[in-house]
C-alpha atoms as a PDB file:
ATOM      1  CA  UNK A   1     -11.039   5.611   3.268  1.00  0.00           C
ATOM      2  CA  UNK A   2      -8.736   2.916   1.884  1.00  0.00           C
ATOM      3  CA  UNK A   3     -11.345   1.999  -0.745  1.00  0.00           C
ATOM      4  CA  UNK A   4     -11.283   5.604  -1.939  1.00  0.00           C
ATOM      5  CA  UNK A   5      -7.491   5.527  -2.184  1.00  0.00           C
ATOM      6  CA  UNK A   6      -7.627   2.311  -4.170  1.00  0.00           C
ATOM      7  CA  UNK A   7     -10.171   3.829  -6.581  1.00  0.00           C
ATOM      8  CA  UNK A   8      -7.902   6.826  -7.170  1.00  0.00           C
ATOM      9  CA  UNK A   9      -4.964   4.537  -7.956  1.00  0.00           C
ATOM     10  CA  UNK A  10      -7.152   2.457 -10.286  1.00  0.00           C
ATOM     11  CA  UNK A  11      -8.105   5.639 -12.148  1.00  0.00           C
ATOM     12  CA  UNK A  12      -4.437   6.575 -12.483  1.00  0.00           C
ATOM     13  CA  UNK A  13      -3.726   3.162 -13.980  1.00  0.00           C
ATOM     14  CA  UNK A  14      -6.249   3.946 -16.732  1.00  0.00           C
ATOM     15  CA  UNK A  15      -4.340   7.035 -17.868  1.00  0.00           C
ATOM     16  CA  UNK A  16      -2.366   6.778 -21.083  1.00  0.00           C
ATOM     17  CA  UNK A  17       1.109   5.391 -20.445  1.00  0.00           C
ATOM     18  CA  UNK A  18       0.199   3.738 -17.157  1.00  0.00           C
ATOM     19  CA  UNK A  19      -1.109   0.523 -18.666  1.00  0.00           C
ATOM     20  CA  UNK A  20       2.447  -0.841 -18.837  1.00  0.00           C
ATOM     21  CA  UNK A  21       5.263  -1.313 -16.346  1.00  0.00           C
ATOM     22  CA  UNK A  22       7.606   1.668 -16.376  1.00  0.00           C
ATOM     23  CA  UNK A  23      10.667  -0.613 -16.461  1.00  0.00           C
ATOM     24  CA  UNK A  24       9.881  -3.617 -18.665  1.00  0.00           C
ATOM     25  CA  UNK A  25       6.689  -2.508 -20.450  1.00  0.00           C
ATOM     26  CA  UNK A  26       4.664  -5.571 -19.406  1.00  0.00           C
ATOM     27  CA  UNK A  27       0.913  -4.986 -19.328  1.00  0.00           C
ATOM     28  CA  UNK A  28      -1.290  -4.278 -16.310  1.00  0.00           C
ATOM     29  CA  UNK A  29       1.142  -3.156 -13.608  1.00  0.00           C
ATOM     30  CA  UNK A  30      -0.291  -3.626 -10.109  1.00  0.00           C
ATOM     31  CA  UNK A  31       2.532  -2.075  -8.086  1.00  0.00           C
ATOM     32  CA  UNK A  32       3.887   1.443  -7.786  1.00  0.00           C
ATOM     33  CA  UNK A  33       7.062   3.105  -6.660  1.00  0.00           C
ATOM     34  CA  UNK A  34       5.624   6.117  -4.913  1.00  0.00           C
ATOM     35  CA  UNK A  35       9.066   7.643  -4.452  1.00  0.00           C
ATOM     36  CA  UNK A  36       9.829   7.418  -8.193  1.00  0.00           C
ATOM     37  CA  UNK A  37       6.170   7.935  -9.177  1.00  0.00           C
ATOM     38  CA  UNK A  38       5.881   5.034 -11.619  1.00  0.00           C
ATOM     39  CA  UNK A  39       3.748   1.906 -11.945  1.00  0.00           C
ATOM     40  CA  UNK A  40       5.500  -1.465 -12.001  1.00  0.00           C
ATOM     41  CA  UNK A  41       4.810  -5.134 -12.650  1.00  0.00           C
ATOM     42  CA  UNK A  42       5.379  -7.572  -9.782  1.00  0.00           C
ATOM     43  CA  UNK A  43       8.781  -8.656 -11.147  1.00  0.00           C
ATOM     44  CA  UNK A  44      10.121  -5.122 -11.435  1.00  0.00           C
ATOM     45  CA  UNK A  45       8.559  -4.157  -8.087  1.00  0.00           C
ATOM     46  CA  UNK A  46      10.564  -6.988  -6.525  1.00  0.00           C
ATOM     47  CA  UNK A  47      13.752  -5.633  -8.091  1.00  0.00           C
ATOM     48  CA  UNK A  48      12.943  -2.140  -6.818  1.00  0.00           C
ATOM     49  CA  UNK A  49      12.445  -3.521  -3.309  1.00  0.00           C
ATOM     50  CA  UNK A  50      15.869  -5.157  -3.472  1.00  0.00           C
ATOM     51  CA  UNK A  51      17.466  -1.802  -4.326  1.00  0.00           C
ATOM     52  CA  UNK A  52      16.336  -0.484  -0.950  1.00  0.00           C
ATOM     53  CA  UNK A  53      13.921   2.159   0.227  1.00  0.00           C
ATOM     54  CA  UNK A  54      16.552   4.856  -0.100  1.00  0.00           C
ATOM     55  CA  UNK A  55      16.148   4.388  -3.883  1.00  0.00           C
ATOM     56  CA  UNK A  56      12.576   3.169  -4.442  1.00  0.00           C
ATOM     57  CA  UNK A  57       9.590   2.835  -2.102  1.00  0.00           C
ATOM     58  CA  UNK A  58       7.204   0.231  -3.501  1.00  0.00           C
ATOM     59  CA  UNK A  59       3.606  -0.620  -2.654  1.00  0.00           C
ATOM     60  CA  UNK A  60       0.892  -2.754  -4.179  1.00  0.00           C
ATOM     61  CA  UNK A  61      -1.965  -0.821  -5.716  1.00  0.00           C
ATOM     62  CA  UNK A  62      -4.488  -3.189  -4.109  1.00  0.00           C
ATOM     63  CA  UNK A  63      -2.823  -5.094  -1.257  1.00  0.00           C
ATOM     64  CA  UNK A  64      -1.076  -2.280   0.618  1.00  0.00           C
ATOM     65  CA  UNK A  65      -2.537   0.683   2.437  1.00  0.00           C
ATOM     66  CA  UNK A  66      -1.728   4.102   1.028  1.00  0.00           C
ATOM     67  CA  UNK A  67      -1.636   7.173   3.230  1.00  0.00           C
ATOM     68  CA  UNK A  68      -3.553  10.273   2.264  1.00  0.00           C
ATOM     69  CA  UNK A  69      -0.261  12.092   1.698  1.00  0.00           C
ATOM     70  CA  UNK A  70       0.986   9.421  -0.713  1.00  0.00           C
ATOM     71  CA  UNK A  71      -2.290   9.543  -2.623  1.00  0.00           C
ATOM     72  CA  UNK A  72      -2.364  13.339  -2.800  1.00  0.00           C
ATOM     73  CA  UNK A  73       1.177  13.536  -4.147  1.00  0.00           C
ATOM     74  CA  UNK A  74       0.710  10.671  -6.547  1.00  0.00           C
ATOM     75  CA  UNK A  75      -2.678  11.675  -7.958  1.00  0.00           C
ATOM     76  CA  UNK A  76      -0.889  14.578  -9.557  1.00  0.00           C
ATOM     77  CA  UNK A  77       2.411  12.969 -10.463  1.00  0.00           C
ATOM     78  CA  UNK A  78       2.100   9.177 -10.699  1.00  0.00           C
ATOM     79  CA  UNK A  79       2.050   8.731 -14.449  1.00  0.00           C
ATOM     80  CA  UNK A  80       4.438   8.379 -17.353  1.00  0.00           C
ATOM     81  CA  UNK A  81       4.959  11.497 -19.421  1.00  0.00           C
END
């Protein structure tokens, strides 16, 4: 199941606008704030973690496990408009 979740996130990363970190615009973000619904580079993900989970909930696209609920919400909304 986790492999399927990872594939969905990888597909989202291919969408226009997702190839860069939402905060600093660096290429190939590998982290996501699922509460803010944006992709992040490792540096910005670290800053988001320091802000606290009441502001931003951060996970790695490949190293963390995503729940089905997080995937379902984010497959629709996790992209830059």
